[in-house]
Amino acid sequence: MNGLISVIVTTYNWPDALSACLLALLAQQDRRFEIIVADDGSGTATQELIKDFIETCEIPLRHIWHEDKGFRAGTIRNKAVAASRGDYLLFMDGDCVALPDFISHHRQLAETGYFVPGNRLLLSECYTSQVLRQKIPLHEQSHGFFLLQRLQGRINRLLPLLYLPLHSWRYRQPQNWQKAMTCNLAVWKDDFLAVNGFDEAFEGWGYEDSDLVIRLIHYGVKRKEGRFAVPVLHLWHRHNDRSQHDENYQRLLQRVADRTMIRADLGVSQYLKTNCS
């Protein structure tokens, strides 16, 4: 895959974490990508931070924002994709820090007909606070550094940091949708558009990313495992409001059962029409 990658970074009112995320992206070895911050209604502090990055960074960066009306991550991601220029989409969260080979390894994994979910390491609450307070550049650290943090209980595991070459085992679960999350998920834009992106019927926290993956599988796109190639470091945060969990989960189960459900009724297409008018 040699074209432009559009990195969609979802954020909401956590500028310190977003700064760590963006600094790590700007340190990538592979420079053939753009950043689109999908902002789910953040306030002035986040907007000023992004403005500063736009004015100073060498990588193309755009800010897509909408009004804060509760958790609408799927909606703002759809709007960000509609504004993207790349052929390949890489979704991540603004509280995740990528290592310098993150983009290059995702590019190596990209293959027509497949989506690629990566995995993550979780930082503890205390260590997350320390990293942000002291502005520790996690993306510049060695494996030895992370071993020390693991021994001290500051991160939950080390195995995702191991790099394994591209092997046949990455294709062994082509229809597995579990644990494919948009904190670290790559998909071809054409496939994303074919299923009409995120279903905006999923309001509030819960399962809009799983629903996207299930519909991609129903469409014929297969899973290619990204473990042991493209980890992210996930900063600790409190759980989002999960009042819509049960309703969203029931909708998800319907999608799993009905393989004819491919396109979202209310998805990215509405913003593509707007952009073309």
Protein backbone atom coordinates (compact mmCIF):
# COMPACT_ATOMS: atom_id res chain seq x y z
CA MET A 1 0.00 0.00 0.00
CA ASN A 2 1.76 3.17 -1.21
CA GLY A 3 -0.94 5.82 -1.03
CA LEU A 4 -1.95 8.35 1.58
CA ILE A 5 -3.22 7.04 4.92
CA SER A 6 -5.87 9.10 6.73
CA VAL A 7 -5.42 8.79 10.50
CA ILE A 8 -8.73 9.60 12.23
CA VAL A 9 -8.09 10.60 15.86
CA THR A 10 -11.21 10.78 18.03
CA THR A 11 -11.10 13.14 21.01
CA TYR A 12 -13.27 14.79 23.63
CA ASN A 13 -12.11 17.35 26.21
CA TRP A 14 -8.75 15.83 27.14
CA PRO A 15 -6.13 18.10 25.57
CA ASP A 16 -3.18 16.71 27.56
CA ALA A 17 -3.82 13.20 26.23
CA LEU A 18 -4.47 14.49 22.72
CA SER A 19 -1.15 16.35 22.79
CA ALA A 20 0.69 13.10 23.67
CA CYS A 21 -1.17 11.29 20.87
CA LEU A 22 -0.37 13.93 18.24
CA LEU A 23 3.28 14.28 19.24
CA ALA A 24 3.69 10.52 18.77
CA LEU A 25 2.08 10.69 15.33
CA LEU A 26 4.34 13.54 14.30
CA ALA A 27 7.36 11.36 15.21
CA GLN A 28 6.37 8.54 12.82
CA GLN A 29 9.01 7.06 10.53
CA ASP A 30 6.46 6.85 7.70
CA ARG A 31 5.41 10.38 6.69
CA ARG A 32 2.81 9.57 4.03
CA PHE A 33 -0.28 10.25 6.09
CA GLU A 34 -2.66 12.98 7.17
CA ILE A 35 -4.25 13.51 10.58
CA ILE A 36 -7.90 14.37 11.00
CA VAL A 37 -8.94 15.10 14.58
CA ALA A 38 -12.56 13.96 15.00
CA ASP A 39 -13.65 16.16 17.90
CA ASP A 40 -16.89 15.11 19.61
CA GLY A 41 -17.65 18.59 20.97
CA SER A 42 -14.57 19.61 22.98
CA GLY A 43 -14.22 23.07 24.46
CA THR A 44 -11.78 25.91 23.98
CA ALA A 45 -8.68 24.24 25.47
CA THR A 46 -8.76 21.40 22.96
CA GLN A 47 -9.54 23.72 20.07
CA GLU A 48 -6.59 25.98 20.92
CA LEU A 49 -4.27 22.98 21.22
CA ILE A 50 -5.26 21.69 17.80
CA LYS A 51 -4.88 25.15 16.30
CA ASP A 52 -1.29 25.31 17.60
CA PHE A 53 -0.50 21.89 16.09
CA ILE A 54 -2.00 22.88 12.75
CA GLU A 55 0.17 26.01 12.63
CA THR A 56 3.43 24.23 13.46
CA CYS A 57 3.37 20.58 12.31
CA GLU A 58 4.71 19.27 9.00
CA ILE A 59 2.05 16.57 8.63
CA PRO A 60 -1.30 17.77 7.18
CA LEU A 61 -3.73 18.11 10.09
CA ARG A 62 -7.38 19.10 10.09
CA HIS A 63 -9.91 19.61 12.86
CA ILE A 64 -13.48 18.33 12.40
CA TRP A 65 -15.76 19.44 15.25
CA HIS A 66 -19.42 19.31 16.09
CA GLU A 67 -21.49 20.50 19.02
CA ASP A 68 -21.42 18.52 22.26
CA LYS A 69 -24.72 16.62 22.38
CA GLY A 70 -23.50 13.61 24.30
CA PHE A 71 -21.38 10.69 23.12
CA ARG A 72 -21.53 10.72 19.30
CA ALA A 73 -18.19 9.20 18.37
CA GLY A 74 -19.60 7.36 15.36
CA THR A 75 -21.08 10.56 13.96
CA ILE A 76 -17.92 12.65 14.28
CA ARG A 77 -15.84 9.83 12.78
CA ASN A 78 -18.20 9.74 9.79
CA LYS A 79 -17.74 13.48 9.35
CA ALA A 80 -13.96 13.09 9.60
CA VAL A 81 -13.92 10.33 6.97
CA ALA A 82 -16.00 12.52 4.66
CA ALA A 83 -13.26 15.15 4.93
CA SER A 84 -10.39 12.68 4.44
CA ARG A 85 -8.20 12.42 1.33
CA GLY A 86 -6.57 9.01 1.84
CA ASP A 87 -7.53 5.66 0.36
CA TYR A 88 -6.85 3.88 3.66
CA LEU A 89 -8.35 4.81 7.04
CA LEU A 90 -6.62 4.28 10.37
CA PHE A 91 -8.82 4.95 13.39
CA MET A 92 -7.34 5.63 16.80
CA ASP A 93 -8.37 7.42 19.96
CA GLY A 94 -6.90 10.65 21.23
CA ASP A 95 -5.86 8.96 24.47
CA CYS A 96 -3.60 6.47 22.66
CA VAL A 97 0.13 6.85 22.00
CA ALA A 98 1.69 5.16 18.97
CA LEU A 99 5.26 3.96 18.63
CA PRO A 100 7.39 5.36 15.76
CA ASP A 101 6.79 2.36 13.45
CA PHE A 102 3.01 2.37 13.93
CA ILE A 103 2.12 3.85 10.53
CA SER A 104 4.79 1.92 8.63
CA HIS A 105 3.69 -1.42 10.09
CA HIS A 106 0.02 -0.67 9.40
CA ARG A 107 1.03 0.12 5.82
CA GLN A 108 2.80 -3.26 5.55
CA LEU A 109 -0.30 -5.04 6.86
CA ALA A 110 -2.72 -3.30 4.49
CA GLU A 111 -4.20 -5.72 1.98
CA THR A 112 -7.19 -5.47 -0.34
CA GLY A 113 -10.22 -7.23 1.09
CA TYR A 114 -9.12 -7.04 4.73
CA PHE A 115 -9.51 -4.82 7.78
CA VAL A 116 -6.75 -4.83 10.40
CA PRO A 117 -7.41 -4.44 14.15
CA GLY A 118 -4.39 -3.68 16.33
CA ASN A 119 -4.11 -4.11 20.06
CA ARG A 120 -3.06 -2.07 23.07
CA LEU A 121 -1.23 -1.86 26.36
CA LEU A 122 -3.06 -0.18 29.24
CA LEU A 123 -1.38 2.30 31.56
CA SER A 124 -2.38 2.46 35.21
CA GLU A 125 -4.29 5.45 36.55
CA CYS A 126 -1.33 6.67 38.59
CA TYR A 127 1.18 6.25 35.79
CA THR A 128 -1.10 7.97 33.27
CA SER A 129 -1.24 10.96 35.58
CA GLN A 130 2.56 10.96 35.88
CA VAL A 131 3.10 10.65 32.12
CA LEU A 132 0.83 13.60 31.36
CA ARG A 133 2.04 15.74 34.26
CA GLN A 134 5.73 15.23 33.44
CA LYS A 135 5.14 15.09 29.67
CA ILE A 136 7.02 11.78 29.40
CA PRO A 137 7.42 11.01 25.66
CA LEU A 138 6.32 7.38 25.66
CA HIS A 139 6.87 7.10 21.92
CA GLU A 140 10.60 7.73 22.39
CA GLN A 141 11.18 4.98 24.95
CA SER A 142 12.96 1.63 24.54
CA HIS A 143 11.65 -1.86 25.23
CA GLY A 144 13.83 -1.88 28.34
CA PHE A 145 11.98 1.17 29.59
CA PHE A 146 8.63 -0.56 29.17
CA LEU A 147 9.95 -3.70 30.87
CA LEU A 148 10.73 -1.58 33.92
CA GLN A 149 7.24 -0.07 33.87
CA ARG A 150 5.73 -3.56 33.68
CA LEU A 151 7.77 -4.75 36.64
CA GLN A 152 6.54 -1.76 38.59
CA GLY A 153 2.91 -2.43 37.66
CA ARG A 154 2.53 0.73 35.58
CA ILE A 155 1.45 -1.06 32.39
CA ASN A 156 -0.62 -4.20 32.20
CA ARG A 157 1.45 -6.33 29.79
CA LEU A 158 4.44 -6.45 27.46
CA LEU A 159 3.59 -9.05 24.80
CA PRO A 160 1.95 -6.58 22.37
CA LEU A 161 5.33 -4.87 22.01
CA LEU A 162 6.83 -7.98 20.41
CA TYR A 163 7.03 -7.77 16.63
CA LEU A 164 6.27 -10.93 14.66
CA PRO A 165 6.73 -10.94 10.85
CA LEU A 166 3.79 -11.37 8.53
CA HIS A 167 2.68 -14.99 8.76
CA SER A 168 -0.33 -17.10 7.83
CA TRP A 169 -1.68 -17.02 11.40
CA ARG A 170 -2.83 -13.45 10.78
CA TYR A 171 -5.57 -14.87 8.51
CA ARG A 172 -6.88 -17.62 10.79
CA GLN A 173 -10.01 -15.84 12.08
CA PRO A 174 -11.38 -13.98 9.05
CA GLN A 175 -14.88 -13.55 10.49
CA ASN A 176 -14.01 -12.75 14.10
CA TRP A 177 -15.36 -9.34 15.12
CA GLN A 178 -14.56 -9.49 18.83
CA LYS A 179 -11.92 -7.11 20.22
CA ALA A 180 -11.68 -5.14 16.99
CA MET A 181 -11.96 -1.60 18.32
CA THR A 182 -11.56 1.83 16.79
CA CYS A 183 -8.85 2.81 19.24
CA ASN A 184 -6.67 0.95 16.71
CA LEU A 185 -8.38 -0.19 13.51
CA ALA A 186 -7.46 0.12 9.82
CA VAL A 187 -9.85 -0.30 6.89
CA TRP A 188 -9.91 0.65 3.22
CA LYS A 189 -12.03 3.74 2.62
CA ASP A 190 -13.92 2.05 -0.23
CA ASP A 191 -15.00 -0.73 2.13
CA PHE A 192 -15.97 1.80 4.82
CA LEU A 193 -18.10 3.69 2.32
CA ALA A 194 -19.66 0.50 0.98
CA VAL A 195 -21.18 -0.25 4.41
CA ASN A 196 -22.01 3.46 4.90
CA GLY A 197 -19.57 3.89 7.77
CA PHE A 198 -20.61 4.05 11.41
CA ASP A 199 -24.29 3.59 12.18
CA GLU A 200 -25.42 6.74 13.96
CA ALA A 201 -28.36 4.86 15.48
CA PHE A 202 -25.81 3.79 18.10
CA GLU A 203 -26.15 6.75 20.47
CA GLY A 204 -24.21 6.92 23.71
CA TRP A 205 -21.29 4.69 24.53
CA GLY A 206 -21.15 1.17 23.24
CA TYR A 207 -20.60 -1.10 20.25
CA GLU A 208 -20.65 1.31 17.32
CA ASP A 209 -17.18 0.03 16.41
CA SER A 210 -18.18 -3.63 16.75
CA ASP A 211 -21.21 -2.95 14.56
CA LEU A 212 -18.99 -1.46 11.86
CA VAL A 213 -16.74 -4.52 11.88
CA ILE A 214 -19.68 -6.93 11.76
CA ARG A 215 -21.15 -5.16 8.72
CA LEU A 216 -17.75 -5.17 7.02
CA ILE A 217 -17.59 -8.93 7.53
CA HIS A 218 -21.13 -9.33 6.17
CA TYR A 219 -20.03 -7.33 3.14
CA GLY A 220 -17.17 -9.77 2.56
CA VAL A 221 -14.22 -7.97 4.13
CA LYS A 222 -12.08 -10.31 6.22
CA ARG A 223 -10.09 -9.82 9.40
CA LYS A 224 -6.31 -9.75 9.23
CA GLU A 225 -4.78 -9.80 12.69
CA GLY A 226 -2.64 -6.82 13.64
CA ARG A 227 -1.37 -8.18 16.96
CA PHE A 228 2.40 -8.22 17.43
CA ALA A 229 2.86 -5.47 14.87
CA VAL A 230 0.86 -2.32 15.65
CA PRO A 231 0.24 -1.80 19.39
CA VAL A 232 -0.77 1.48 21.00
CA LEU A 233 -0.25 2.65 24.57
CA HIS A 234 -3.69 3.44 25.99
CA LEU A 235 -3.86 6.06 28.73
CA TRP A 236 -6.13 5.31 31.68
CA HIS A 237 -9.48 7.08 31.84
CA ARG A 238 -12.76 6.67 33.63
CA HIS A 239 -15.53 4.71 31.90
CA ASN A 240 -17.91 6.70 29.76
CA ASP A 241 -21.58 6.92 30.60
CA ARG A 242 -22.95 3.46 29.77
CA SER A 243 -26.66 4.17 30.13
CA GLN A 244 -27.24 3.18 26.49
CA HIS A 245 -25.26 -0.06 26.81
CA ASP A 246 -28.15 -2.52 26.86
CA GLU A 247 -30.02 -0.95 23.95
CA ASN A 248 -26.86 -0.78 21.83
CA TYR A 249 -25.93 -4.37 22.70
CA GLN A 250 -29.32 -5.67 21.59
CA ARG A 251 -28.95 -3.80 18.30
CA LEU A 252 -25.52 -5.36 17.90
CA LEU A 253 -26.86 -8.88 18.44
CA GLN A 254 -29.41 -8.28 15.68
CA ARG A 255 -26.57 -7.34 13.35
CA VAL A 256 -24.64 -10.50 14.19
CA ALA A 257 -27.68 -12.67 13.45
CA ASP A 258 -28.79 -11.00 10.22
CA ARG A 259 -26.09 -11.18 7.54
CA THR A 260 -28.20 -9.08 5.17
CA MET A 261 -27.66 -6.04 7.38
CA ILE A 262 -24.69 -4.40 5.67
CA ARG A 263 -25.31 -0.69 5.14
CA ALA A 264 -26.04 1.71 7.98
CA ASP A 265 -29.32 3.53 7.44
CA LEU A 266 -27.84 6.74 8.82
CA GLY A 267 -24.13 6.83 8.10
CA VAL A 268 -21.32 8.60 6.29
CA SER A 269 -23.16 9.10 2.98
CA GLN A 270 -25.11 12.11 4.28
CA TYR A 271 -21.85 14.05 4.72
CA LEU A 272 -20.46 13.01 1.36
CA LYS A 273 -23.54 14.48 -0.31
CA THR A 274 -23.08 17.68 1.63
CA ASN A 275 -19.43 17.91 0.58
CA CYS A 276 -20.35 17.45 -3.08
CA SER A 277 -23.04 20.09 -3.15
